[in-house]
Amino acid sequence: MRLVDYAMPSDFPDHFPPRANRVHEACGPNAFGFAFALAGHLRGSVLWVREAWQADQINPAGVSPYIDPHSLLIAKGNDQTEVLATAEESLRSGVVALTVIELTKPIGLTAGRRLQLAAEAGQSTGLCIVPEGTGSNAVETRWHCTPVFDPTDSTLQRWELIKNKSGTLTAWDVRWNAEARRIIVVSEARERPVP
């Protein structure tokens, strides 16, 4: 006979939320979920900046488990240059808790560094949502976010820290608790013998 023993990853609070006053990146099929969870954790206004040609929309009902839809502002630029300029001004102003920047192509080191300097100046946090395989060397961390199949829980996700300028790389299975408005780390089950 075996019992199930649960091991709780104790280092998650050291990594999430990502370091304030910096710009981070998220990629993968659940990058939006990461952005909404971060916004919910920070509990403030969010400016979401994207290119105007993108036809898909952010559904206010879809963000309501994470944040009050009234605290989400959406800005659209004609191209990535305008998106970056708007994001830089938002970060520098420090008015919103989180600036989410949807990028459709890679940015150079100079543009990434400008975003970092703006976040430091405004004491604000930025999150770039980037296509997989791209990203800026200037970001503090990069997270790869994927759904995890679980027939009993559709909110289960795997967040993998794939770039970290100030620490190790690691991964967690997490879920969003809408009532508490916080991330719950899901312990991995392992078997141990019964004495």
N, C-alpha and C. Protein backbone atom coordinates (compact mmCIF):
# COMPACT_ATOMS: atom_id res chain seq x y z
N MET A 1 0.84 -1.19 0.00
CA MET A 1 0.00 0.00 0.00
C MET A 1 0.88 1.25 0.00
N ARG A 2 0.45 2.27 -0.73
CA ARG A 2 1.20 3.51 -0.82
C ARG A 2 0.30 4.69 -0.47
N LEU A 3 0.87 5.69 0.13
CA LEU A 3 0.18 6.95 0.39
C LEU A 3 0.73 7.98 -0.60
N VAL A 4 -0.04 9.00 -0.85
CA VAL A 4 0.43 10.08 -1.71
C VAL A 4 0.95 11.19 -0.83
N ASP A 5 2.15 11.63 -1.13
CA ASP A 5 2.80 12.71 -0.38
C ASP A 5 2.90 13.91 -1.32
N TYR A 6 2.56 15.08 -0.85
CA TYR A 6 2.59 16.26 -1.69
C TYR A 6 3.77 17.15 -1.32
N ALA A 7 4.54 17.50 -2.32
CA ALA A 7 5.69 18.38 -2.10
C ALA A 7 5.35 19.76 -2.65
N MET A 8 5.37 20.77 -1.82
CA MET A 8 5.03 22.13 -2.24
C MET A 8 6.31 22.87 -2.65
N PRO A 9 6.37 23.35 -3.90
CA PRO A 9 7.54 24.13 -4.30
C PRO A 9 7.59 25.41 -3.46
N SER A 10 8.62 25.55 -2.68
CA SER A 10 8.67 26.66 -1.72
C SER A 10 9.25 27.93 -2.32
N ASP A 11 9.80 27.88 -3.52
CA ASP A 11 10.44 29.06 -4.07
C ASP A 11 9.55 29.91 -4.97
N PHE A 12 8.30 29.54 -5.16
CA PHE A 12 7.41 30.29 -6.04
C PHE A 12 7.27 31.76 -5.62
N PRO A 13 7.07 32.06 -4.33
CA PRO A 13 6.96 33.47 -3.93
C PRO A 13 8.23 34.29 -4.19
N ASP A 14 9.36 33.61 -4.39
CA ASP A 14 10.59 34.33 -4.73
C ASP A 14 10.60 34.79 -6.19
N HIS A 15 9.71 34.22 -7.01
CA HIS A 15 9.70 34.51 -8.44
C HIS A 15 8.43 35.18 -8.93
N PHE A 16 7.31 34.95 -8.25
CA PHE A 16 6.04 35.56 -8.67
C PHE A 16 5.45 36.33 -7.51
N PRO A 17 5.08 37.59 -7.70
CA PRO A 17 5.11 38.28 -8.97
C PRO A 17 6.55 38.59 -9.38
N PRO A 18 6.78 38.72 -10.68
CA PRO A 18 8.12 39.08 -11.13
C PRO A 18 8.55 40.41 -10.52
N ARG A 19 9.83 40.60 -10.45
CA ARG A 19 10.42 41.78 -9.81
C ARG A 19 9.80 43.08 -10.31
N ALA A 20 9.42 43.93 -9.38
CA ALA A 20 8.81 45.23 -9.71
C ALA A 20 9.83 46.15 -10.35
N ASN A 21 9.34 47.18 -11.01
CA ASN A 21 10.16 48.20 -11.65
C ASN A 21 11.03 47.64 -12.77
N ARG A 22 10.54 46.58 -13.39
CA ARG A 22 11.25 45.92 -14.47
C ARG A 22 10.26 45.51 -15.56
N VAL A 23 10.80 45.12 -16.69
CA VAL A 23 9.99 44.59 -17.78
C VAL A 23 10.31 43.10 -17.92
N HIS A 24 9.27 42.30 -18.07
CA HIS A 24 9.37 40.85 -18.18
C HIS A 24 8.69 40.42 -19.46
N GLU A 25 8.82 39.14 -19.81
CA GLU A 25 8.17 38.61 -21.00
C GLU A 25 7.42 37.33 -20.68
N ALA A 26 6.34 37.10 -21.43
CA ALA A 26 5.60 35.84 -21.37
C ALA A 26 5.36 35.38 -22.80
N CYS A 27 5.48 34.08 -23.00
CA CYS A 27 5.20 33.50 -24.31
C CYS A 27 4.46 32.18 -24.09
N GLY A 28 3.99 31.60 -25.17
CA GLY A 28 3.26 30.34 -25.07
C GLY A 28 1.77 30.55 -25.16
N PRO A 29 1.02 29.44 -25.27
CA PRO A 29 -0.42 29.53 -25.47
C PRO A 29 -1.19 30.15 -24.30
N ASN A 30 -0.61 30.18 -23.11
CA ASN A 30 -1.30 30.77 -21.95
C ASN A 30 -0.64 32.07 -21.49
N ALA A 31 0.05 32.75 -22.39
CA ALA A 31 0.70 34.01 -22.01
C ALA A 31 -0.31 35.06 -21.56
N PHE A 32 -1.49 35.08 -22.20
CA PHE A 32 -2.53 36.03 -21.77
C PHE A 32 -2.98 35.70 -20.35
N GLY A 33 -3.13 34.43 -20.04
CA GLY A 33 -3.51 34.02 -18.68
C GLY A 33 -2.49 34.48 -17.66
N PHE A 34 -1.21 34.39 -18.01
CA PHE A 34 -0.17 34.89 -17.12
C PHE A 34 -0.32 36.39 -16.90
N ALA A 35 -0.58 37.12 -18.00
CA ALA A 35 -0.74 38.57 -17.91
C ALA A 35 -1.92 38.94 -17.01
N PHE A 36 -3.05 38.24 -17.18
CA PHE A 36 -4.23 38.54 -16.36
C PHE A 36 -3.99 38.18 -14.90
N ALA A 37 -3.30 37.07 -14.65
CA ALA A 37 -3.00 36.68 -13.27
C ALA A 37 -2.07 37.69 -12.61
N LEU A 38 -1.08 38.17 -13.35
CA LEU A 38 -0.18 39.19 -12.81
C LEU A 38 -0.95 40.47 -12.52
N ALA A 39 -1.83 40.86 -13.44
CA ALA A 39 -2.66 42.05 -13.21
C ALA A 39 -3.53 41.87 -11.97
N GLY A 40 -4.13 40.70 -11.82
CA GLY A 40 -4.95 40.43 -10.64
C GLY A 40 -4.15 40.47 -9.36
N HIS A 41 -2.93 39.98 -9.42
CA HIS A 41 -2.08 40.00 -8.23
C HIS A 41 -1.67 41.43 -7.86
N LEU A 42 -1.37 42.25 -8.87
CA LEU A 42 -0.94 43.62 -8.60
C LEU A 42 -2.09 44.53 -8.18
N ARG A 43 -3.32 44.16 -8.52
CA ARG A 43 -4.54 44.86 -8.07
C ARG A 43 -4.55 46.35 -8.37
N GLY A 44 -4.26 46.69 -9.58
CA GLY A 44 -4.31 48.10 -9.97
C GLY A 44 -4.78 48.22 -11.40
N SER A 45 -4.68 49.41 -11.94
CA SER A 45 -5.04 49.63 -13.34
C SER A 45 -4.02 48.97 -14.26
N VAL A 46 -4.52 48.55 -15.43
CA VAL A 46 -3.67 47.89 -16.41
C VAL A 46 -3.85 48.59 -17.75
N LEU A 47 -2.74 48.92 -18.40
CA LEU A 47 -2.78 49.42 -19.77
C LEU A 47 -2.28 48.30 -20.66
N TRP A 48 -3.12 47.89 -21.60
CA TRP A 48 -2.79 46.81 -22.55
C TRP A 48 -2.57 47.47 -23.89
N VAL A 49 -1.36 47.38 -24.45
CA VAL A 49 -1.01 48.07 -25.68
C VAL A 49 -0.79 47.03 -26.78
N ARG A 50 -1.47 47.24 -27.92
CA ARG A 50 -1.35 46.30 -29.04
C ARG A 50 -1.51 47.03 -30.36
N GLU A 51 -1.18 46.34 -31.44
CA GLU A 51 -1.31 46.94 -32.76
C GLU A 51 -2.77 46.92 -33.21
N ALA A 52 -3.20 47.99 -33.87
CA ALA A 52 -4.61 48.16 -34.26
C ALA A 52 -5.08 47.13 -35.27
N TRP A 53 -4.19 46.58 -36.08
CA TRP A 53 -4.60 45.63 -37.11
C TRP A 53 -5.06 44.29 -36.55
N GLN A 54 -4.75 44.01 -35.29
CA GLN A 54 -5.14 42.72 -34.71
C GLN A 54 -6.66 42.68 -34.55
N ALA A 55 -7.28 41.67 -35.16
CA ALA A 55 -8.74 41.59 -35.20
C ALA A 55 -9.35 41.05 -33.92
N ASP A 56 -8.62 40.22 -33.18
CA ASP A 56 -9.19 39.65 -31.97
C ASP A 56 -9.32 40.72 -30.89
N GLN A 57 -10.24 40.50 -29.98
CA GLN A 57 -10.53 41.46 -28.91
C GLN A 57 -10.35 40.80 -27.55
N ILE A 58 -10.09 41.60 -26.55
CA ILE A 58 -10.05 41.10 -25.17
C ILE A 58 -11.46 41.25 -24.62
N ASN A 59 -12.05 40.14 -24.20
CA ASN A 59 -13.42 40.12 -23.72
C ASN A 59 -13.46 40.52 -22.24
N PRO A 60 -14.16 41.59 -21.89
CA PRO A 60 -14.24 42.01 -20.49
C PRO A 60 -14.76 40.91 -19.56
N ALA A 61 -15.68 40.10 -20.04
CA ALA A 61 -16.19 38.99 -19.20
C ALA A 61 -15.10 37.97 -18.92
N GLY A 62 -14.18 37.82 -19.87
CA GLY A 62 -13.09 36.87 -19.69
C GLY A 62 -12.05 37.33 -18.68
N VAL A 63 -11.89 38.64 -18.50
CA VAL A 63 -10.91 39.14 -17.55
C VAL A 63 -11.49 39.32 -16.15
N SER A 64 -12.81 39.29 -16.03
CA SER A 64 -13.44 39.57 -14.73
C SER A 64 -13.04 38.61 -13.61
N PRO A 65 -12.69 37.34 -13.87
CA PRO A 65 -12.20 36.53 -12.75
C PRO A 65 -10.85 37.01 -12.20
N TYR A 66 -10.13 37.82 -12.99
CA TYR A 66 -8.81 38.29 -12.60
C TYR A 66 -8.81 39.72 -12.08
N ILE A 67 -9.46 40.60 -12.84
CA ILE A 67 -9.48 42.03 -12.51
C ILE A 67 -10.85 42.61 -12.83
N ASP A 68 -11.12 43.76 -12.27
CA ASP A 68 -12.33 44.50 -12.61
C ASP A 68 -12.14 45.01 -14.05
N PRO A 69 -13.04 44.64 -14.97
CA PRO A 69 -12.87 45.08 -16.36
C PRO A 69 -12.74 46.60 -16.51
N HIS A 70 -13.27 47.37 -15.56
CA HIS A 70 -13.17 48.83 -15.62
C HIS A 70 -11.73 49.31 -15.39
N SER A 71 -10.87 48.46 -14.84
CA SER A 71 -9.49 48.87 -14.59
C SER A 71 -8.56 48.51 -15.74
N LEU A 72 -9.12 47.95 -16.83
CA LEU A 72 -8.33 47.58 -18.00
C LEU A 72 -8.51 48.63 -19.10
N LEU A 73 -7.42 49.25 -19.47
CA LEU A 73 -7.41 50.24 -20.55
C LEU A 73 -6.69 49.61 -21.74
N ILE A 74 -7.25 49.77 -22.94
CA ILE A 74 -6.63 49.19 -24.12
C ILE A 74 -6.24 50.33 -25.06
N ALA A 75 -4.96 50.32 -25.45
CA ALA A 75 -4.45 51.31 -26.40
C ALA A 75 -3.99 50.58 -27.65
N LYS A 76 -4.25 51.18 -28.80
CA LYS A 76 -3.86 50.56 -30.07
C LYS A 76 -2.97 51.50 -30.86
N GLY A 77 -1.87 50.95 -31.34
CA GLY A 77 -0.95 51.71 -32.18
C GLY A 77 -1.03 51.23 -33.62
N ASN A 78 -0.64 52.08 -34.55
CA ASN A 78 -0.68 51.70 -35.96
C ASN A 78 0.34 50.62 -36.30
N ASP A 79 1.46 50.61 -35.58
CA ASP A 79 2.50 49.63 -35.82
C ASP A 79 3.26 49.39 -34.52
N GLN A 80 4.25 48.51 -34.57
CA GLN A 80 4.98 48.17 -33.35
C GLN A 80 5.76 49.36 -32.79
N THR A 81 6.21 50.27 -33.64
CA THR A 81 6.91 51.46 -33.17
C THR A 81 5.99 52.30 -32.27
N GLU A 82 4.74 52.48 -32.69
CA GLU A 82 3.79 53.23 -31.86
C GLU A 82 3.45 52.48 -30.58
N VAL A 83 3.34 51.16 -30.66
CA VAL A 83 3.07 50.34 -29.47
C VAL A 83 4.19 50.52 -28.46
N LEU A 84 5.43 50.46 -28.93
CA LEU A 84 6.58 50.61 -28.02
C LEU A 84 6.64 52.02 -27.42
N ALA A 85 6.34 53.03 -28.22
CA ALA A 85 6.35 54.41 -27.71
C ALA A 85 5.28 54.61 -26.65
N THR A 86 4.09 54.08 -26.88
CA THR A 86 3.00 54.18 -25.91
C THR A 86 3.36 53.44 -24.63
N ALA A 87 3.90 52.24 -24.77
CA ALA A 87 4.29 51.45 -23.59
C ALA A 87 5.37 52.16 -22.79
N GLU A 88 6.33 52.74 -23.47
CA GLU A 88 7.41 53.45 -22.78
C GLU A 88 6.87 54.62 -21.97
N GLU A 89 5.94 55.38 -22.56
CA GLU A 89 5.35 56.51 -21.83
C GLU A 89 4.54 56.02 -20.63
N SER A 90 3.80 54.93 -20.81
CA SER A 90 3.02 54.38 -19.70
C SER A 90 3.93 53.94 -18.56
N LEU A 91 5.00 53.23 -18.89
CA LEU A 91 5.92 52.77 -17.86
C LEU A 91 6.58 53.95 -17.14
N ARG A 92 6.99 54.93 -17.91
CA ARG A 92 7.68 56.09 -17.32
C ARG A 92 6.74 56.90 -16.42
N SER A 93 5.46 56.94 -16.76
CA SER A 93 4.51 57.74 -15.97
C SER A 93 4.25 57.12 -14.60
N GLY A 94 4.30 55.79 -14.51
CA GLY A 94 4.03 55.12 -13.24
C GLY A 94 2.57 55.18 -12.81
N VAL A 95 1.67 55.54 -13.70
CA VAL A 95 0.26 55.72 -13.36
C VAL A 95 -0.47 54.39 -13.22
N VAL A 96 -0.11 53.40 -14.02
CA VAL A 96 -0.78 52.11 -13.95
C VAL A 96 0.12 51.09 -13.25
N ALA A 97 -0.52 50.08 -12.66
CA ALA A 97 0.24 49.04 -11.96
C ALA A 97 1.00 48.14 -12.92
N LEU A 98 0.40 47.92 -14.10
CA LEU A 98 1.00 47.01 -15.07
C LEU A 98 0.75 47.52 -16.48
N THR A 99 1.80 47.51 -17.29
CA THR A 99 1.67 47.80 -18.71
C THR A 99 1.96 46.52 -19.46
N VAL A 100 0.96 46.03 -20.21
CA VAL A 100 1.12 44.81 -21.01
C VAL A 100 1.35 45.25 -22.45
N ILE A 101 2.41 44.73 -23.06
CA ILE A 101 2.80 45.12 -24.40
C ILE A 101 2.74 43.87 -25.28
N GLU A 102 1.78 43.83 -26.20
CA GLU A 102 1.67 42.71 -27.13
C GLU A 102 2.59 42.99 -28.31
N LEU A 103 3.58 42.13 -28.50
CA LEU A 103 4.53 42.30 -29.60
C LEU A 103 4.30 41.20 -30.63
N THR A 104 4.37 41.57 -31.90
CA THR A 104 4.16 40.60 -32.97
C THR A 104 5.46 40.19 -33.65
N LYS A 105 6.53 40.92 -33.34
CA LYS A 105 7.84 40.57 -33.88
C LYS A 105 8.90 40.96 -32.85
N PRO A 106 10.11 40.42 -33.00
CA PRO A 106 11.16 40.71 -32.01
C PRO A 106 11.50 42.19 -31.94
N ILE A 107 11.98 42.61 -30.78
CA ILE A 107 12.50 43.97 -30.63
C ILE A 107 13.99 43.87 -30.34
N GLY A 108 14.70 44.90 -30.68
CA GLY A 108 16.14 44.93 -30.49
C GLY A 108 16.52 45.26 -29.05
N LEU A 109 17.80 45.17 -28.79
CA LEU A 109 18.32 45.45 -27.46
C LEU A 109 18.05 46.89 -27.05
N THR A 110 18.15 47.82 -27.98
CA THR A 110 17.93 49.24 -27.67
C THR A 110 16.48 49.47 -27.22
N ALA A 111 15.53 48.94 -27.97
CA ALA A 111 14.11 49.11 -27.60
C ALA A 111 13.82 48.44 -26.26
N GLY A 112 14.38 47.25 -26.04
CA GLY A 112 14.18 46.55 -24.76
C GLY A 112 14.79 47.33 -23.60
N ARG A 113 15.95 47.90 -23.82
CA ARG A 113 16.60 48.69 -22.77
C ARG A 113 15.82 49.97 -22.47
N ARG A 114 15.24 50.59 -23.50
CA ARG A 114 14.43 51.79 -23.28
C ARG A 114 13.22 51.47 -22.40
N LEU A 115 12.59 50.30 -22.64
CA LEU A 115 11.47 49.90 -21.80
C LEU A 115 11.92 49.68 -20.36
N GLN A 116 13.08 49.05 -20.17
CA GLN A 116 13.60 48.83 -18.81
C GLN A 116 13.86 50.16 -18.10
N LEU A 117 14.48 51.09 -18.78
CA LEU A 117 14.76 52.39 -18.16
C LEU A 117 13.47 53.13 -17.81
N ALA A 118 12.46 53.02 -18.67
CA ALA A 118 11.17 53.66 -18.39
C ALA A 118 10.51 53.03 -17.17
N ALA A 119 10.57 51.71 -17.04
CA ALA A 119 9.98 51.02 -15.88
C ALA A 119 10.69 51.44 -14.59
N GLU A 120 12.00 51.54 -14.65
CA GLU A 120 12.76 51.97 -13.47
C GLU A 120 12.41 53.40 -13.09
N ALA A 121 12.31 54.29 -14.10
CA ALA A 121 12.00 55.70 -13.84
C ALA A 121 10.60 55.86 -13.26
N GLY A 122 9.65 55.11 -13.76
CA GLY A 122 8.26 55.24 -13.30
C GLY A 122 7.90 54.33 -12.15
N GLN A 123 8.87 53.51 -11.69
CA GLN A 123 8.59 52.55 -10.62
C GLN A 123 7.38 51.70 -10.96
N SER A 124 7.36 51.18 -12.21
CA SER A 124 6.23 50.41 -12.69
C SER A 124 6.70 49.09 -13.29
N THR A 125 5.74 48.21 -13.55
CA THR A 125 6.05 46.88 -14.08
C THR A 125 5.50 46.74 -15.48
N GLY A 126 6.31 46.14 -16.36
CA GLY A 126 5.89 45.89 -17.73
C GLY A 126 5.95 44.40 -18.05
N LEU A 127 5.07 43.97 -18.90
CA LEU A 127 5.05 42.59 -19.37
C LEU A 127 4.85 42.58 -20.87
N CYS A 128 5.85 42.09 -21.60
CA CYS A 128 5.74 41.92 -23.05
C CYS A 128 5.21 40.52 -23.33
N ILE A 129 4.19 40.44 -24.15
CA ILE A 129 3.73 39.14 -24.64
C ILE A 129 4.37 38.97 -26.01
N VAL A 130 5.21 37.95 -26.13
CA VAL A 130 6.02 37.79 -27.33
C VAL A 130 5.74 36.45 -28.00
N PRO A 131 5.92 36.38 -29.33
CA PRO A 131 5.82 35.08 -30.00
C PRO A 131 6.92 34.15 -29.49
N GLU A 132 6.64 32.86 -29.45
CA GLU A 132 7.64 31.90 -28.98
C GLU A 132 8.89 31.98 -29.85
N GLY A 133 10.03 31.85 -29.19
CA GLY A 133 11.30 31.88 -29.89
C GLY A 133 11.84 33.27 -30.12
N THR A 134 11.11 34.28 -29.67
CA THR A 134 11.60 35.66 -29.78
C THR A 134 11.76 36.23 -28.38
N GLY A 135 12.15 37.44 -28.30
CA GLY A 135 12.30 38.08 -27.01
C GLY A 135 13.52 38.97 -27.01
N SER A 136 13.57 39.84 -26.02
CA SER A 136 14.66 40.80 -25.90
C SER A 136 15.64 40.34 -24.83
N ASN A 137 16.91 40.57 -25.07
CA ASN A 137 17.92 40.25 -24.06
C ASN A 137 17.84 41.22 -22.88
N ALA A 138 17.12 42.32 -23.03
CA ALA A 138 17.05 43.32 -21.97
C ALA A 138 16.06 42.97 -20.87
N VAL A 139 15.16 42.00 -21.10
CA VAL A 139 14.15 41.70 -20.08
C VAL A 139 14.75 41.01 -18.87
N GLU A 140 14.08 41.20 -17.74
CA GLU A 140 14.53 40.59 -16.48
C GLU A 140 14.23 39.09 -16.46
N THR A 141 13.00 38.72 -16.83
CA THR A 141 12.62 37.30 -16.86
C THR A 141 11.77 37.02 -18.09
N ARG A 142 11.76 35.75 -18.50
CA ARG A 142 10.87 35.30 -19.58
C ARG A 142 10.17 34.04 -19.08
N TRP A 143 8.84 34.01 -19.22
CA TRP A 143 8.01 32.90 -18.75
C TRP A 143 7.36 32.21 -19.94
N HIS A 144 7.42 30.88 -19.96
CA HIS A 144 6.71 30.10 -20.97
C HIS A 144 5.48 29.52 -20.29
N CYS A 145 4.30 29.81 -20.82
CA CYS A 145 3.04 29.48 -20.15
C CYS A 145 2.20 28.57 -21.04
N THR A 146 1.82 27.40 -20.51
CA THR A 146 1.04 26.43 -21.26
C THR A 146 -0.09 25.90 -20.40
N PRO A 147 -1.18 25.47 -21.04
CA PRO A 147 -2.25 24.82 -20.27
C PRO A 147 -1.81 23.40 -19.92
N VAL A 148 -2.36 22.90 -18.82
CA VAL A 148 -2.13 21.51 -18.40
C VAL A 148 -3.48 20.81 -18.42
N PHE A 149 -3.54 19.68 -19.13
CA PHE A 149 -4.81 18.98 -19.19
C PHE A 149 -5.12 18.34 -17.84
N ASP A 150 -6.31 18.65 -17.34
CA ASP A 150 -6.81 18.04 -16.11
C ASP A 150 -8.33 18.00 -16.26
N PRO A 151 -8.92 16.79 -16.28
CA PRO A 151 -10.37 16.70 -16.50
C PRO A 151 -11.21 17.35 -15.41
N THR A 152 -10.61 17.64 -14.25
CA THR A 152 -11.36 18.24 -13.15
C THR A 152 -11.10 19.73 -12.97
N ASP A 153 -10.10 20.26 -13.69
CA ASP A 153 -9.75 21.67 -13.48
C ASP A 153 -9.27 22.28 -14.79
N SER A 154 -10.08 23.15 -15.39
CA SER A 154 -9.72 23.76 -16.67
C SER A 154 -8.77 24.94 -16.50
N THR A 155 -8.47 25.34 -15.26
CA THR A 155 -7.61 26.51 -15.04
C THR A 155 -6.15 26.14 -14.79
N LEU A 156 -5.83 24.86 -14.79
CA LEU A 156 -4.47 24.42 -14.48
C LEU A 156 -3.50 24.84 -15.59
N GLN A 157 -2.38 25.42 -15.19
CA GLN A 157 -1.37 25.91 -16.12
C GLN A 157 0.02 25.50 -15.66
N ARG A 158 0.96 25.50 -16.58
CA ARG A 158 2.36 25.28 -16.25
C ARG A 158 3.11 26.55 -16.63
N TRP A 159 3.74 27.16 -15.62
CA TRP A 159 4.55 28.35 -15.84
C TRP A 159 6.00 27.96 -15.67
N GLU A 160 6.76 28.15 -16.74
CA GLU A 160 8.17 27.79 -16.73
C GLU A 160 9.01 29.06 -16.88
N LEU A 161 9.90 29.27 -15.96
CA LEU A 161 10.81 30.41 -16.02
C LEU A 161 11.97 30.01 -16.92
N ILE A 162 12.01 30.55 -18.14
CA ILE A 162 13.02 30.11 -19.11
C ILE A 162 14.16 31.12 -19.28
N LYS A 163 14.02 32.30 -18.67
CA LYS A 163 15.11 33.28 -18.60
C LYS A 163 14.97 34.01 -17.29
N ASN A 164 16.08 34.14 -16.57
CA ASN A 164 16.06 34.81 -15.28
C ASN A 164 17.42 35.44 -15.05
N LYS A 165 17.49 36.76 -15.11
CA LYS A 165 18.77 37.46 -14.94
C LYS A 165 19.30 37.39 -13.52
N SER A 166 18.42 37.13 -12.57
CA SER A 166 18.88 37.18 -11.17
C SER A 166 18.63 35.87 -10.41
N GLY A 167 18.59 34.75 -11.10
CA GLY A 167 18.37 33.50 -10.37
C GLY A 167 18.31 32.29 -11.28
N THR A 168 17.73 31.26 -10.74
CA THR A 168 17.68 29.98 -11.43
C THR A 168 16.44 29.88 -12.32
N LEU A 169 16.45 28.86 -13.16
CA LEU A 169 15.31 28.55 -14.02
C LEU A 169 14.55 27.40 -13.37
N THR A 170 13.23 27.49 -13.39
CA THR A 170 12.41 26.47 -12.75
C THR A 170 11.00 26.52 -13.32
N ALA A 171 10.11 25.66 -12.85
CA ALA A 171 8.73 25.62 -13.36
C ALA A 171 7.78 25.22 -12.25
N TRP A 172 6.50 25.63 -12.41
CA TRP A 172 5.45 25.31 -11.44
C TRP A 172 4.17 25.02 -12.19
N ASP A 173 3.35 24.16 -11.61
CA ASP A 173 1.97 24.00 -12.05
C ASP A 173 1.13 24.88 -11.13
N VAL A 174 0.31 25.75 -11.74
CA VAL A 174 -0.45 26.73 -10.97
C VAL A 174 -1.89 26.76 -11.45
N ARG A 175 -2.74 27.34 -10.62
CA ARG A 175 -4.12 27.63 -11.02
C ARG A 175 -4.50 28.96 -10.40
N TRP A 176 -5.46 29.61 -11.03
CA TRP A 176 -5.96 30.89 -10.52
C TRP A 176 -7.15 30.63 -9.63
N ASN A 177 -7.13 31.18 -8.42
CA ASN A 177 -8.26 31.11 -7.51
C ASN A 177 -9.04 32.42 -7.65
N ALA A 178 -10.18 32.37 -8.34
CA ALA A 178 -10.94 33.59 -8.64
C ALA A 178 -11.52 34.23 -7.38
N GLU A 179 -11.91 33.42 -6.39
CA GLU A 179 -12.47 33.98 -5.16
C GLU A 179 -11.42 34.76 -4.38
N ALA A 180 -10.24 34.17 -4.22
CA ALA A 180 -9.17 34.83 -3.46
C ALA A 180 -8.38 35.79 -4.33
N ARG A 181 -8.59 35.72 -5.66
CA ARG A 181 -7.83 36.52 -6.62
C ARG A 181 -6.32 36.37 -6.40
N ARG A 182 -5.89 35.10 -6.46
CA ARG A 182 -4.46 34.84 -6.33
C ARG A 182 -4.12 33.51 -6.99
N ILE A 183 -2.83 33.34 -7.23
CA ILE A 183 -2.31 32.12 -7.83
C ILE A 183 -2.10 31.07 -6.74
N ILE A 184 -2.51 29.86 -7.03
CA ILE A 184 -2.29 28.72 -6.14
C ILE A 184 -1.29 27.79 -6.83
N VAL A 185 -0.22 27.44 -6.15
CA VAL A 185 0.74 26.49 -6.69
C VAL A 185 0.19 25.10 -6.41
N VAL A 186 0.14 24.29 -7.45
CA VAL A 186 -0.38 22.94 -7.32
C VAL A 186 0.78 22.01 -7.04
N SER A 187 0.69 21.32 -5.92
CA SER A 187 1.77 20.41 -5.53
C SER A 187 1.80 19.20 -6.44
N GLU A 188 2.99 18.74 -6.72
CA GLU A 188 3.13 17.51 -7.47
C GLU A 188 3.00 16.34 -6.52
N ALA A 189 2.22 15.36 -6.95
CA ALA A 189 2.03 14.17 -6.10
C ALA A 189 3.20 13.22 -6.33
N ARG A 190 3.63 12.59 -5.25
CA ARG A 190 4.63 11.55 -5.38
C ARG A 190 4.29 10.46 -4.39
N GLU A 191 4.67 9.27 -4.70
CA GLU A 191 4.33 8.16 -3.83
C GLU A 191 5.43 7.94 -2.81
N ARG A 192 5.01 7.52 -1.62
CA ARG A 192 5.98 7.14 -0.60
C ARG A 192 5.47 5.87 0.05
N PRO A 193 6.36 4.99 0.44
CA PRO A 193 5.92 3.74 1.04
C PRO A 193 5.33 3.97 2.43
N VAL A 194 4.36 3.14 2.76
CA VAL A 194 3.77 3.19 4.11
C VAL A 194 4.60 2.27 5.00
N PRO A 195 5.04 2.75 6.18
CA PRO A 195 5.85 1.91 7.05
C PRO A 195 5.06 0.72 7.58
